[in-house]
Amino acid sequence: DRALAHNRELYTRLFDSGPARRDK
């Protein structure tokens, strides 16, 4: 999680796709 948080700067935009368990 720490590395994922650091990598947020990679992206121009991020989409909130919903809860952790959701039909793919």
PDBML (XML) file of the C-alpha atoms, coordinates in Angstrom:
<?xml version="1.0" encoding="UTF-8" ?>
<PDBx:datablock datablockName="MODEL"
   xmlns:PDBx="http://pdbml.pdb.org/schema/pdbx-v50.xsd"
   xmlns:xsi="http://www.w3.org/2001/XMLSchema-instance"
   xsi:schemaLocation="http://pdbml.pdb.org/schema/pdbx-v50.xsd pdbx-v50.xsd">
   <PDBx:atom_siteCategory>
      <PDBx:atom_site id="1">
         <PDBx:B_iso_or_equiv>0.00</PDBx:B_iso_or_equiv>
         <PDBx:Cartn_x>0.000</PDBx:Cartn_x>
         <PDBx:Cartn_y>0.000</PDBx:Cartn_y>
         <PDBx:Cartn_z>0.000</PDBx:Cartn_z>
         <PDBx:auth_asym_id>A</PDBx:auth_asym_id>
         <PDBx:auth_atom_id>CA</PDBx:auth_atom_id>
         <PDBx:auth_comp_id>ASP</PDBx:auth_comp_id>
         <PDBx:auth_seq_id>1</PDBx:auth_seq_id>
         <PDBx:group_PDB>ATOM</PDBx:group_PDB>
         <PDBx:label_alt_id xsi:nil="true" />
         <PDBx:label_asym_id>A</PDBx:label_asym_id>
         <PDBx:label_atom_id>CA</PDBx:label_atom_id>
         <PDBx:label_comp_id>ASP</PDBx:label_comp_id>
         <PDBx:label_entity_id>1</PDBx:label_entity_id>
         <PDBx:label_seq_id>1</PDBx:label_seq_id>
         <PDBx:occupancy>1.00</PDBx:occupancy>
         <PDBx:pdbx_PDB_model_num>1</PDBx:pdbx_PDB_model_num>
         <PDBx:type_symbol>C</PDBx:type_symbol>
      </PDBx:atom_site>
      <PDBx:atom_site id="2">
         <PDBx:B_iso_or_equiv>0.00</PDBx:B_iso_or_equiv>
         <PDBx:Cartn_x>2.808</PDBx:Cartn_x>
         <PDBx:Cartn_y>2.433</PDBx:Cartn_y>
         <PDBx:Cartn_z>0.733</PDBx:Cartn_z>
         <PDBx:auth_asym_id>A</PDBx:auth_asym_id>
         <PDBx:auth_atom_id>CA</PDBx:auth_atom_id>
         <PDBx:auth_comp_id>ARG</PDBx:auth_comp_id>
         <PDBx:auth_seq_id>2</PDBx:auth_seq_id>
         <PDBx:group_PDB>ATOM</PDBx:group_PDB>
         <PDBx:label_alt_id xsi:nil="true" />
         <PDBx:label_asym_id>A</PDBx:label_asym_id>
         <PDBx:label_atom_id>CA</PDBx:label_atom_id>
         <PDBx:label_comp_id>ARG</PDBx:label_comp_id>
         <PDBx:label_entity_id>1</PDBx:label_entity_id>
         <PDBx:label_seq_id>2</PDBx:label_seq_id>
         <PDBx:occupancy>1.00</PDBx:occupancy>
         <PDBx:pdbx_PDB_model_num>1</PDBx:pdbx_PDB_model_num>
         <PDBx:type_symbol>C</PDBx:type_symbol>
      </PDBx:atom_site>
      <PDBx:atom_site id="3">
         <PDBx:B_iso_or_equiv>0.00</PDBx:B_iso_or_equiv>
         <PDBx:Cartn_x>4.371</PDBx:Cartn_x>
         <PDBx:Cartn_y>1.884</PDBx:Cartn_y>
         <PDBx:Cartn_z>-2.689</PDBx:Cartn_z>
         <PDBx:auth_asym_id>A</PDBx:auth_asym_id>
         <PDBx:auth_atom_id>CA</PDBx:auth_atom_id>
         <PDBx:auth_comp_id>ALA</PDBx:auth_comp_id>
         <PDBx:auth_seq_id>3</PDBx:auth_seq_id>
         <PDBx:group_PDB>ATOM</PDBx:group_PDB>
         <PDBx:label_alt_id xsi:nil="true" />
         <PDBx:label_asym_id>A</PDBx:label_asym_id>
         <PDBx:label_atom_id>CA</PDBx:label_atom_id>
         <PDBx:label_comp_id>ALA</PDBx:label_comp_id>
         <PDBx:label_entity_id>1</PDBx:label_entity_id>
         <PDBx:label_seq_id>3</PDBx:label_seq_id>
         <PDBx:occupancy>1.00</PDBx:occupancy>
         <PDBx:pdbx_PDB_model_num>1</PDBx:pdbx_PDB_model_num>
         <PDBx:type_symbol>C</PDBx:type_symbol>
      </PDBx:atom_site>
      <PDBx:atom_site id="4">
         <PDBx:B_iso_or_equiv>0.00</PDBx:B_iso_or_equiv>
         <PDBx:Cartn_x>0.975</PDBx:Cartn_x>
         <PDBx:Cartn_y>2.108</PDBx:Cartn_y>
         <PDBx:Cartn_z>-4.390</PDBx:Cartn_z>
         <PDBx:auth_asym_id>A</PDBx:auth_asym_id>
         <PDBx:auth_atom_id>CA</PDBx:auth_atom_id>
         <PDBx:auth_comp_id>LEU</PDBx:auth_comp_id>
         <PDBx:auth_seq_id>4</PDBx:auth_seq_id>
         <PDBx:group_PDB>ATOM</PDBx:group_PDB>
         <PDBx:label_alt_id xsi:nil="true" />
         <PDBx:label_asym_id>A</PDBx:label_asym_id>
         <PDBx:label_atom_id>CA</PDBx:label_atom_id>
         <PDBx:label_comp_id>LEU</PDBx:label_comp_id>
         <PDBx:label_entity_id>1</PDBx:label_entity_id>
         <PDBx:label_seq_id>4</PDBx:label_seq_id>
         <PDBx:occupancy>1.00</PDBx:occupancy>
         <PDBx:pdbx_PDB_model_num>1</PDBx:pdbx_PDB_model_num>
         <PDBx:type_symbol>C</PDBx:type_symbol>
      </PDBx:atom_site>
      <PDBx:atom_site id="5">
         <PDBx:B_iso_or_equiv>0.00</PDBx:B_iso_or_equiv>
         <PDBx:Cartn_x>0.336</PDBx:Cartn_x>
         <PDBx:Cartn_y>5.423</PDBx:Cartn_y>
         <PDBx:Cartn_z>-2.671</PDBx:Cartn_z>
         <PDBx:auth_asym_id>A</PDBx:auth_asym_id>
         <PDBx:auth_atom_id>CA</PDBx:auth_atom_id>
         <PDBx:auth_comp_id>ALA</PDBx:auth_comp_id>
         <PDBx:auth_seq_id>5</PDBx:auth_seq_id>
         <PDBx:group_PDB>ATOM</PDBx:group_PDB>
         <PDBx:label_alt_id xsi:nil="true" />
         <PDBx:label_asym_id>A</PDBx:label_asym_id>
         <PDBx:label_atom_id>CA</PDBx:label_atom_id>
         <PDBx:label_comp_id>ALA</PDBx:label_comp_id>
         <PDBx:label_entity_id>1</PDBx:label_entity_id>
         <PDBx:label_seq_id>5</PDBx:label_seq_id>
         <PDBx:occupancy>1.00</PDBx:occupancy>
         <PDBx:pdbx_PDB_model_num>1</PDBx:pdbx_PDB_model_num>
         <PDBx:type_symbol>C</PDBx:type_symbol>
      </PDBx:atom_site>
      <PDBx:atom_site id="6">
         <PDBx:B_iso_or_equiv>0.00</PDBx:B_iso_or_equiv>
         <PDBx:Cartn_x>3.730</PDBx:Cartn_x>
         <PDBx:Cartn_y>6.689</PDBx:Cartn_y>
         <PDBx:Cartn_z>-3.858</PDBx:Cartn_z>
         <PDBx:auth_asym_id>A</PDBx:auth_asym_id>
         <PDBx:auth_atom_id>CA</PDBx:auth_atom_id>
         <PDBx:auth_comp_id>HIS</PDBx:auth_comp_id>
         <PDBx:auth_seq_id>6</PDBx:auth_seq_id>
         <PDBx:group_PDB>ATOM</PDBx:group_PDB>
         <PDBx:label_alt_id xsi:nil="true" />
         <PDBx:label_asym_id>A</PDBx:label_asym_id>
         <PDBx:label_atom_id>CA</PDBx:label_atom_id>
         <PDBx:label_comp_id>HIS</PDBx:label_comp_id>
         <PDBx:label_entity_id>1</PDBx:label_entity_id>
         <PDBx:label_seq_id>6</PDBx:label_seq_id>
         <PDBx:occupancy>1.00</PDBx:occupancy>
         <PDBx:pdbx_PDB_model_num>1</PDBx:pdbx_PDB_model_num>
         <PDBx:type_symbol>C</PDBx:type_symbol>
      </PDBx:atom_site>
      <PDBx:atom_site id="7">
         <PDBx:B_iso_or_equiv>0.00</PDBx:B_iso_or_equiv>
         <PDBx:Cartn_x>2.909</PDBx:Cartn_x>
         <PDBx:Cartn_y>5.609</PDBx:Cartn_y>
         <PDBx:Cartn_z>-7.429</PDBx:Cartn_z>
         <PDBx:auth_asym_id>A</PDBx:auth_asym_id>
         <PDBx:auth_atom_id>CA</PDBx:auth_atom_id>
         <PDBx:auth_comp_id>ASN</PDBx:auth_comp_id>
         <PDBx:auth_seq_id>7</PDBx:auth_seq_id>
         <PDBx:group_PDB>ATOM</PDBx:group_PDB>
         <PDBx:label_alt_id xsi:nil="true" />
         <PDBx:label_asym_id>A</PDBx:label_asym_id>
         <PDBx:label_atom_id>CA</PDBx:label_atom_id>
         <PDBx:label_comp_id>ASN</PDBx:label_comp_id>
         <PDBx:label_entity_id>1</PDBx:label_entity_id>
         <PDBx:label_seq_id>7</PDBx:label_seq_id>
         <PDBx:occupancy>1.00</PDBx:occupancy>
         <PDBx:pdbx_PDB_model_num>1</PDBx:pdbx_PDB_model_num>
         <PDBx:type_symbol>C</PDBx:type_symbol>
      </PDBx:atom_site>
      <PDBx:atom_site id="8">
         <PDBx:B_iso_or_equiv>0.00</PDBx:B_iso_or_equiv>
         <PDBx:Cartn_x>-0.235</PDBx:Cartn_x>
         <PDBx:Cartn_y>7.703</PDBx:Cartn_y>
         <PDBx:Cartn_z>-7.573</PDBx:Cartn_z>
         <PDBx:auth_asym_id>A</PDBx:auth_asym_id>
         <PDBx:auth_atom_id>CA</PDBx:auth_atom_id>
         <PDBx:auth_comp_id>ARG</PDBx:auth_comp_id>
         <PDBx:auth_seq_id>8</PDBx:auth_seq_id>
         <PDBx:group_PDB>ATOM</PDBx:group_PDB>
         <PDBx:label_alt_id xsi:nil="true" />
         <PDBx:label_asym_id>A</PDBx:label_asym_id>
         <PDBx:label_atom_id>CA</PDBx:label_atom_id>
         <PDBx:label_comp_id>ARG</PDBx:label_comp_id>
         <PDBx:label_entity_id>1</PDBx:label_entity_id>
         <PDBx:label_seq_id>8</PDBx:label_seq_id>
         <PDBx:occupancy>1.00</PDBx:occupancy>
         <PDBx:pdbx_PDB_model_num>1</PDBx:pdbx_PDB_model_num>
         <PDBx:type_symbol>C</PDBx:type_symbol>
      </PDBx:atom_site>
      <PDBx:atom_site id="9">
         <PDBx:B_iso_or_equiv>0.00</PDBx:B_iso_or_equiv>
         <PDBx:Cartn_x>1.915</PDBx:Cartn_x>
         <PDBx:Cartn_y>10.460</PDBx:Cartn_y>
         <PDBx:Cartn_z>-9.044</PDBx:Cartn_z>
         <PDBx:auth_asym_id>A</PDBx:auth_asym_id>
         <PDBx:auth_atom_id>CA</PDBx:auth_atom_id>
         <PDBx:auth_comp_id>GLU</PDBx:auth_comp_id>
         <PDBx:auth_seq_id>9</PDBx:auth_seq_id>
         <PDBx:group_PDB>ATOM</PDBx:group_PDB>
         <PDBx:label_alt_id xsi:nil="true" />
         <PDBx:label_asym_id>A</PDBx:label_asym_id>
         <PDBx:label_atom_id>CA</PDBx:label_atom_id>
         <PDBx:label_comp_id>GLU</PDBx:label_comp_id>
         <PDBx:label_entity_id>1</PDBx:label_entity_id>
         <PDBx:label_seq_id>9</PDBx:label_seq_id>
         <PDBx:occupancy>1.00</PDBx:occupancy>
         <PDBx:pdbx_PDB_model_num>1</PDBx:pdbx_PDB_model_num>
         <PDBx:type_symbol>C</PDBx:type_symbol>
      </PDBx:atom_site>
      <PDBx:atom_site id="10">
         <PDBx:B_iso_or_equiv>0.00</PDBx:B_iso_or_equiv>
         <PDBx:Cartn_x>2.283</PDBx:Cartn_x>
         <PDBx:Cartn_y>8.337</PDBx:Cartn_y>
         <PDBx:Cartn_z>-12.192</PDBx:Cartn_z>
         <PDBx:auth_asym_id>A</PDBx:auth_asym_id>
         <PDBx:auth_atom_id>CA</PDBx:auth_atom_id>
         <PDBx:auth_comp_id>LEU</PDBx:auth_comp_id>
         <PDBx:auth_seq_id>10</PDBx:auth_seq_id>
         <PDBx:group_PDB>ATOM</PDBx:group_PDB>
         <PDBx:label_alt_id xsi:nil="true" />
         <PDBx:label_asym_id>A</PDBx:label_asym_id>
         <PDBx:label_atom_id>CA</PDBx:label_atom_id>
         <PDBx:label_comp_id>LEU</PDBx:label_comp_id>
         <PDBx:label_entity_id>1</PDBx:label_entity_id>
         <PDBx:label_seq_id>10</PDBx:label_seq_id>
         <PDBx:occupancy>1.00</PDBx:occupancy>
         <PDBx:pdbx_PDB_model_num>1</PDBx:pdbx_PDB_model_num>
         <PDBx:type_symbol>C</PDBx:type_symbol>
      </PDBx:atom_site>
      <PDBx:atom_site id="11">
         <PDBx:B_iso_or_equiv>0.00</PDBx:B_iso_or_equiv>
         <PDBx:Cartn_x>-1.281</PDBx:Cartn_x>
         <PDBx:Cartn_y>8.967</PDBx:Cartn_y>
         <PDBx:Cartn_z>-13.281</PDBx:Cartn_z>
         <PDBx:auth_asym_id>A</PDBx:auth_asym_id>
         <PDBx:auth_atom_id>CA</PDBx:auth_atom_id>
         <PDBx:auth_comp_id>TYR</PDBx:auth_comp_id>
         <PDBx:auth_seq_id>11</PDBx:auth_seq_id>
         <PDBx:group_PDB>ATOM</PDBx:group_PDB>
         <PDBx:label_alt_id xsi:nil="true" />
         <PDBx:label_asym_id>A</PDBx:label_asym_id>
         <PDBx:label_atom_id>CA</PDBx:label_atom_id>
         <PDBx:label_comp_id>TYR</PDBx:label_comp_id>
         <PDBx:label_entity_id>1</PDBx:label_entity_id>
         <PDBx:label_seq_id>11</PDBx:label_seq_id>
         <PDBx:occupancy>1.00</PDBx:occupancy>
         <PDBx:pdbx_PDB_model_num>1</PDBx:pdbx_PDB_model_num>
         <PDBx:type_symbol>C</PDBx:type_symbol>
      </PDBx:atom_site>
      <PDBx:atom_site id="12">
         <PDBx:B_iso_or_equiv>0.00</PDBx:B_iso_or_equiv>
         <PDBx:Cartn_x>-2.940</PDBx:Cartn_x>
         <PDBx:Cartn_y>11.949</PDBx:Cartn_y>
         <PDBx:Cartn_z>-14.881</PDBx:Cartn_z>
         <PDBx:auth_asym_id>A</PDBx:auth_asym_id>
         <PDBx:auth_atom_id>CA</PDBx:auth_atom_id>
         <PDBx:auth_comp_id>THR</PDBx:auth_comp_id>
         <PDBx:auth_seq_id>12</PDBx:auth_seq_id>
         <PDBx:group_PDB>ATOM</PDBx:group_PDB>
         <PDBx:label_alt_id xsi:nil="true" />
         <PDBx:label_asym_id>A</PDBx:label_asym_id>
         <PDBx:label_atom_id>CA</PDBx:label_atom_id>
         <PDBx:label_comp_id>THR</PDBx:label_comp_id>
         <PDBx:label_entity_id>1</PDBx:label_entity_id>
         <PDBx:label_seq_id>12</PDBx:label_seq_id>
         <PDBx:occupancy>1.00</PDBx:occupancy>
         <PDBx:pdbx_PDB_model_num>1</PDBx:pdbx_PDB_model_num>
         <PDBx:type_symbol>C</PDBx:type_symbol>
      </PDBx:atom_site>
      <PDBx:atom_site id="13">
         <PDBx:B_iso_or_equiv>0.00</PDBx:B_iso_or_equiv>
         <PDBx:Cartn_x>-6.305</PDBx:Cartn_x>
         <PDBx:Cartn_y>10.871</PDBx:Cartn_y>
         <PDBx:Cartn_z>-13.470</PDBx:Cartn_z>
         <PDBx:auth_asym_id>A</PDBx:auth_asym_id>
         <PDBx:auth_atom_id>CA</PDBx:auth_atom_id>
         <PDBx:auth_comp_id>ARG</PDBx:auth_comp_id>
         <PDBx:auth_seq_id>13</PDBx:auth_seq_id>
         <PDBx:group_PDB>ATOM</PDBx:group_PDB>
         <PDBx:label_alt_id xsi:nil="true" />
         <PDBx:label_asym_id>A</PDBx:label_asym_id>
         <PDBx:label_atom_id>CA</PDBx:label_atom_id>
         <PDBx:label_comp_id>ARG</PDBx:label_comp_id>
         <PDBx:label_entity_id>1</PDBx:label_entity_id>
         <PDBx:label_seq_id>13</PDBx:label_seq_id>
         <PDBx:occupancy>1.00</PDBx:occupancy>
         <PDBx:pdbx_PDB_model_num>1</PDBx:pdbx_PDB_model_num>
         <PDBx:type_symbol>C</PDBx:type_symbol>
      </PDBx:atom_site>
      <PDBx:atom_site id="14">
         <PDBx:B_iso_or_equiv>0.00</PDBx:B_iso_or_equiv>
         <PDBx:Cartn_x>-7.636</PDBx:Cartn_x>
         <PDBx:Cartn_y>8.016</PDBx:Cartn_y>
         <PDBx:Cartn_z>-11.322</PDBx:Cartn_z>
         <PDBx:auth_asym_id>A</PDBx:auth_asym_id>
         <PDBx:auth_atom_id>CA</PDBx:auth_atom_id>
         <PDBx:auth_comp_id>LEU</PDBx:auth_comp_id>
         <PDBx:auth_seq_id>14</PDBx:auth_seq_id>
         <PDBx:group_PDB>ATOM</PDBx:group_PDB>
         <PDBx:label_alt_id xsi:nil="true" />
         <PDBx:label_asym_id>A</PDBx:label_asym_id>
         <PDBx:label_atom_id>CA</PDBx:label_atom_id>
         <PDBx:label_comp_id>LEU</PDBx:label_comp_id>
         <PDBx:label_entity_id>1</PDBx:label_entity_id>
         <PDBx:label_seq_id>14</PDBx:label_seq_id>
         <PDBx:occupancy>1.00</PDBx:occupancy>
         <PDBx:pdbx_PDB_model_num>1</PDBx:pdbx_PDB_model_num>
         <PDBx:type_symbol>C</PDBx:type_symbol>
      </PDBx:atom_site>
      <PDBx:atom_site id="15">
         <PDBx:B_iso_or_equiv>0.00</PDBx:B_iso_or_equiv>
         <PDBx:Cartn_x>-11.153</PDBx:Cartn_x>
         <PDBx:Cartn_y>6.560</PDBx:Cartn_y>
         <PDBx:Cartn_z>-11.451</PDBx:Cartn_z>
         <PDBx:auth_asym_id>A</PDBx:auth_asym_id>
         <PDBx:auth_atom_id>CA</PDBx:auth_atom_id>
         <PDBx:auth_comp_id>PHE</PDBx:auth_comp_id>
         <PDBx:auth_seq_id>15</PDBx:auth_seq_id>
         <PDBx:group_PDB>ATOM</PDBx:group_PDB>
         <PDBx:label_alt_id xsi:nil="true" />
         <PDBx:label_asym_id>A</PDBx:label_asym_id>
         <PDBx:label_atom_id>CA</PDBx:label_atom_id>
         <PDBx:label_comp_id>PHE</PDBx:label_comp_id>
         <PDBx:label_entity_id>1</PDBx:label_entity_id>
         <PDBx:label_seq_id>15</PDBx:label_seq_id>
         <PDBx:occupancy>1.00</PDBx:occupancy>
         <PDBx:pdbx_PDB_model_num>1</PDBx:pdbx_PDB_model_num>
         <PDBx:type_symbol>C</PDBx:type_symbol>
      </PDBx:atom_site>
      <PDBx:atom_site id="16">
         <PDBx:B_iso_or_equiv>0.00</PDBx:B_iso_or_equiv>
         <PDBx:Cartn_x>-13.050</PDBx:Cartn_x>
         <PDBx:Cartn_y>5.403</PDBx:Cartn_y>
         <PDBx:Cartn_z>-8.365</PDBx:Cartn_z>
         <PDBx:auth_asym_id>A</PDBx:auth_asym_id>
         <PDBx:auth_atom_id>CA</PDBx:auth_atom_id>
         <PDBx:auth_comp_id>ASP</PDBx:auth_comp_id>
         <PDBx:auth_seq_id>16</PDBx:auth_seq_id>
         <PDBx:group_PDB>ATOM</PDBx:group_PDB>
         <PDBx:label_alt_id xsi:nil="true" />
         <PDBx:label_asym_id>A</PDBx:label_asym_id>
         <PDBx:label_atom_id>CA</PDBx:label_atom_id>
         <PDBx:label_comp_id>ASP</PDBx:label_comp_id>
         <PDBx:label_entity_id>1</PDBx:label_entity_id>
         <PDBx:label_seq_id>16</PDBx:label_seq_id>
         <PDBx:occupancy>1.00</PDBx:occupancy>
         <PDBx:pdbx_PDB_model_num>1</PDBx:pdbx_PDB_model_num>
         <PDBx:type_symbol>C</PDBx:type_symbol>
      </PDBx:atom_site>
      <PDBx:atom_site id="17">
         <PDBx:B_iso_or_equiv>0.00</PDBx:B_iso_or_equiv>
         <PDBx:Cartn_x>-14.426</PDBx:Cartn_x>
         <PDBx:Cartn_y>2.076</PDBx:Cartn_y>
         <PDBx:Cartn_z>-9.617</PDBx:Cartn_z>
         <PDBx:auth_asym_id>A</PDBx:auth_asym_id>
         <PDBx:auth_atom_id>CA</PDBx:auth_atom_id>
         <PDBx:auth_comp_id>SER</PDBx:auth_comp_id>
         <PDBx:auth_seq_id>17</PDBx:auth_seq_id>
         <PDBx:group_PDB>ATOM</PDBx:group_PDB>
         <PDBx:label_alt_id xsi:nil="true" />
         <PDBx:label_asym_id>A</PDBx:label_asym_id>
         <PDBx:label_atom_id>CA</PDBx:label_atom_id>
         <PDBx:label_comp_id>SER</PDBx:label_comp_id>
         <PDBx:label_entity_id>1</PDBx:label_entity_id>
         <PDBx:label_seq_id>17</PDBx:label_seq_id>
         <PDBx:occupancy>1.00</PDBx:occupancy>
         <PDBx:pdbx_PDB_model_num>1</PDBx:pdbx_PDB_model_num>
         <PDBx:type_symbol>C</PDBx:type_symbol>
      </PDBx:atom_site>
      <PDBx:atom_site id="18">
         <PDBx:B_iso_or_equiv>0.00</PDBx:B_iso_or_equiv>
         <PDBx:Cartn_x>-16.346</PDBx:Cartn_x>
         <PDBx:Cartn_y>1.163</PDBx:Cartn_y>
         <PDBx:Cartn_z>-6.472</PDBx:Cartn_z>
         <PDBx:auth_asym_id>A</PDBx:auth_asym_id>
         <PDBx:auth_atom_id>CA</PDBx:auth_atom_id>
         <PDBx:auth_comp_id>GLY</PDBx:auth_comp_id>
         <PDBx:auth_seq_id>18</PDBx:auth_seq_id>
         <PDBx:group_PDB>ATOM</PDBx:group_PDB>
         <PDBx:label_alt_id xsi:nil="true" />
         <PDBx:label_asym_id>A</PDBx:label_asym_id>
         <PDBx:label_atom_id>CA</PDBx:label_atom_id>
         <PDBx:label_comp_id>GLY</PDBx:label_comp_id>
         <PDBx:label_entity_id>1</PDBx:label_entity_id>
         <PDBx:label_seq_id>18</PDBx:label_seq_id>
         <PDBx:occupancy>1.00</PDBx:occupancy>
         <PDBx:pdbx_PDB_model_num>1</PDBx:pdbx_PDB_model_num>
         <PDBx:type_symbol>C</PDBx:type_symbol>
      </PDBx:atom_site>
      <PDBx:atom_site id="19">
         <PDBx:B_iso_or_equiv>0.00</PDBx:B_iso_or_equiv>
         <PDBx:Cartn_x>-15.897</PDBx:Cartn_x>
         <PDBx:Cartn_y>-1.194</PDBx:Cartn_y>
         <PDBx:Cartn_z>-3.510</PDBx:Cartn_z>
         <PDBx:auth_asym_id>A</PDBx:auth_asym_id>
         <PDBx:auth_atom_id>CA</PDBx:auth_atom_id>
         <PDBx:auth_comp_id>PRO</PDBx:auth_comp_id>
         <PDBx:auth_seq_id>19</PDBx:auth_seq_id>
         <PDBx:group_PDB>ATOM</PDBx:group_PDB>
         <PDBx:label_alt_id xsi:nil="true" />
         <PDBx:label_asym_id>A</PDBx:label_asym_id>
         <PDBx:label_atom_id>CA</PDBx:label_atom_id>
         <PDBx:label_comp_id>PRO</PDBx:label_comp_id>
         <PDBx:label_entity_id>1</PDBx:label_entity_id>
         <PDBx:label_seq_id>19</PDBx:label_seq_id>
         <PDBx:occupancy>1.00</PDBx:occupancy>
         <PDBx:pdbx_PDB_model_num>1</PDBx:pdbx_PDB_model_num>
         <PDBx:type_symbol>C</PDBx:type_symbol>
      </PDBx:atom_site>
      <PDBx:atom_site id="20">
         <PDBx:B_iso_or_equiv>0.00</PDBx:B_iso_or_equiv>
         <PDBx:Cartn_x>-13.107</PDBx:Cartn_x>
         <PDBx:Cartn_y>-3.751</PDBx:Cartn_y>
         <PDBx:Cartn_z>-3.242</PDBx:Cartn_z>
         <PDBx:auth_asym_id>A</PDBx:auth_asym_id>
         <PDBx:auth_atom_id>CA</PDBx:auth_atom_id>
         <PDBx:auth_comp_id>ALA</PDBx:auth_comp_id>
         <PDBx:auth_seq_id>20</PDBx:auth_seq_id>
         <PDBx:group_PDB>ATOM</PDBx:group_PDB>
         <PDBx:label_alt_id xsi:nil="true" />
         <PDBx:label_asym_id>A</PDBx:label_asym_id>
         <PDBx:label_atom_id>CA</PDBx:label_atom_id>
         <PDBx:label_comp_id>ALA</PDBx:label_comp_id>
         <PDBx:label_entity_id>1</PDBx:label_entity_id>
         <PDBx:label_seq_id>20</PDBx:label_seq_id>
         <PDBx:occupancy>1.00</PDBx:occupancy>
         <PDBx:pdbx_PDB_model_num>1</PDBx:pdbx_PDB_model_num>
         <PDBx:type_symbol>C</PDBx:type_symbol>
      </PDBx:atom_site>
      <PDBx:atom_site id="21">
         <PDBx:B_iso_or_equiv>0.00</PDBx:B_iso_or_equiv>
         <PDBx:Cartn_x>-15.529</PDBx:Cartn_x>
         <PDBx:Cartn_y>-6.592</PDBx:Cartn_y>
         <PDBx:Cartn_z>-4.047</PDBx:Cartn_z>
         <PDBx:auth_asym_id>A</PDBx:auth_asym_id>
         <PDBx:auth_atom_id>CA</PDBx:auth_atom_id>
         <PDBx:auth_comp_id>ARG</PDBx:auth_comp_id>
         <PDBx:auth_seq_id>21</PDBx:auth_seq_id>
         <PDBx:group_PDB>ATOM</PDBx:group_PDB>
         <PDBx:label_alt_id xsi:nil="true" />
         <PDBx:label_asym_id>A</PDBx:label_asym_id>
         <PDBx:label_atom_id>CA</PDBx:label_atom_id>
         <PDBx:label_comp_id>ARG</PDBx:label_comp_id>
         <PDBx:label_entity_id>1</PDBx:label_entity_id>
         <PDBx:label_seq_id>21</PDBx:label_seq_id>
         <PDBx:occupancy>1.00</PDBx:occupancy>
         <PDBx:pdbx_PDB_model_num>1</PDBx:pdbx_PDB_model_num>
         <PDBx:type_symbol>C</PDBx:type_symbol>
      </PDBx:atom_site>
      <PDBx:atom_site id="22">
         <PDBx:B_iso_or_equiv>0.00</PDBx:B_iso_or_equiv>
         <PDBx:Cartn_x>-17.386</PDBx:Cartn_x>
         <PDBx:Cartn_y>-5.866</PDBx:Cartn_y>
         <PDBx:Cartn_z>-7.249</PDBx:Cartn_z>
         <PDBx:auth_asym_id>A</PDBx:auth_asym_id>
         <PDBx:auth_atom_id>CA</PDBx:auth_atom_id>
         <PDBx:auth_comp_id>ARG</PDBx:auth_comp_id>
         <PDBx:auth_seq_id>22</PDBx:auth_seq_id>
         <PDBx:group_PDB>ATOM</PDBx:group_PDB>
         <PDBx:label_alt_id xsi:nil="true" />
         <PDBx:label_asym_id>A</PDBx:label_asym_id>
         <PDBx:label_atom_id>CA</PDBx:label_atom_id>
         <PDBx:label_comp_id>ARG</PDBx:label_comp_id>
         <PDBx:label_entity_id>1</PDBx:label_entity_id>
         <PDBx:label_seq_id>22</PDBx:label_seq_id>
         <PDBx:occupancy>1.00</PDBx:occupancy>
         <PDBx:pdbx_PDB_model_num>1</PDBx:pdbx_PDB_model_num>
         <PDBx:type_symbol>C</PDBx:type_symbol>
      </PDBx:atom_site>
      <PDBx:atom_site id="23">
         <PDBx:B_iso_or_equiv>0.00</PDBx:B_iso_or_equiv>
         <PDBx:Cartn_x>-18.168</PDBx:Cartn_x>
         <PDBx:Cartn_y>-7.913</PDBx:Cartn_y>
         <PDBx:Cartn_z>-10.346</PDBx:Cartn_z>
         <PDBx:auth_asym_id>A</PDBx:auth_asym_id>
         <PDBx:auth_atom_id>CA</PDBx:auth_atom_id>
         <PDBx:auth_comp_id>ASP</PDBx:auth_comp_id>
         <PDBx:auth_seq_id>23</PDBx:auth_seq_id>
         <PDBx:group_PDB>ATOM</PDBx:group_PDB>
         <PDBx:label_alt_id xsi:nil="true" />
         <PDBx:label_asym_id>A</PDBx:label_asym_id>
         <PDBx:label_atom_id>CA</PDBx:label_atom_id>
         <PDBx:label_comp_id>ASP</PDBx:label_comp_id>
         <PDBx:label_entity_id>1</PDBx:label_entity_id>
         <PDBx:label_seq_id>23</PDBx:label_seq_id>
         <PDBx:occupancy>1.00</PDBx:occupancy>
         <PDBx:pdbx_PDB_model_num>1</PDBx:pdbx_PDB_model_num>
         <PDBx:type_symbol>C</PDBx:type_symbol>
      </PDBx:atom_site>
      <PDBx:atom_site id="24">
         <PDBx:B_iso_or_equiv>0.00</PDBx:B_iso_or_equiv>
         <PDBx:Cartn_x>-15.193</PDBx:Cartn_x>
         <PDBx:Cartn_y>-7.522</PDBx:Cartn_y>
         <PDBx:Cartn_z>-12.668</PDBx:Cartn_z>
         <PDBx:auth_asym_id>A</PDBx:auth_asym_id>
         <PDBx:auth_atom_id>CA</PDBx:auth_atom_id>
         <PDBx:auth_comp_id>LYS</PDBx:auth_comp_id>
         <PDBx:auth_seq_id>24</PDBx:auth_seq_id>
         <PDBx:group_PDB>ATOM</PDBx:group_PDB>
         <PDBx:label_alt_id xsi:nil="true" />
         <PDBx:label_asym_id>A</PDBx:label_asym_id>
         <PDBx:label_atom_id>CA</PDBx:label_atom_id>
         <PDBx:label_comp_id>LYS</PDBx:label_comp_id>
         <PDBx:label_entity_id>1</PDBx:label_entity_id>
         <PDBx:label_seq_id>24</PDBx:label_seq_id>
         <PDBx:occupancy>1.00</PDBx:occupancy>
         <PDBx:pdbx_PDB_model_num>1</PDBx:pdbx_PDB_model_num>
         <PDBx:type_symbol>C</PDBx:type_symbol>
      </PDBx:atom_site>
   </PDBx:atom_siteCategory>
</PDBx:datablock>
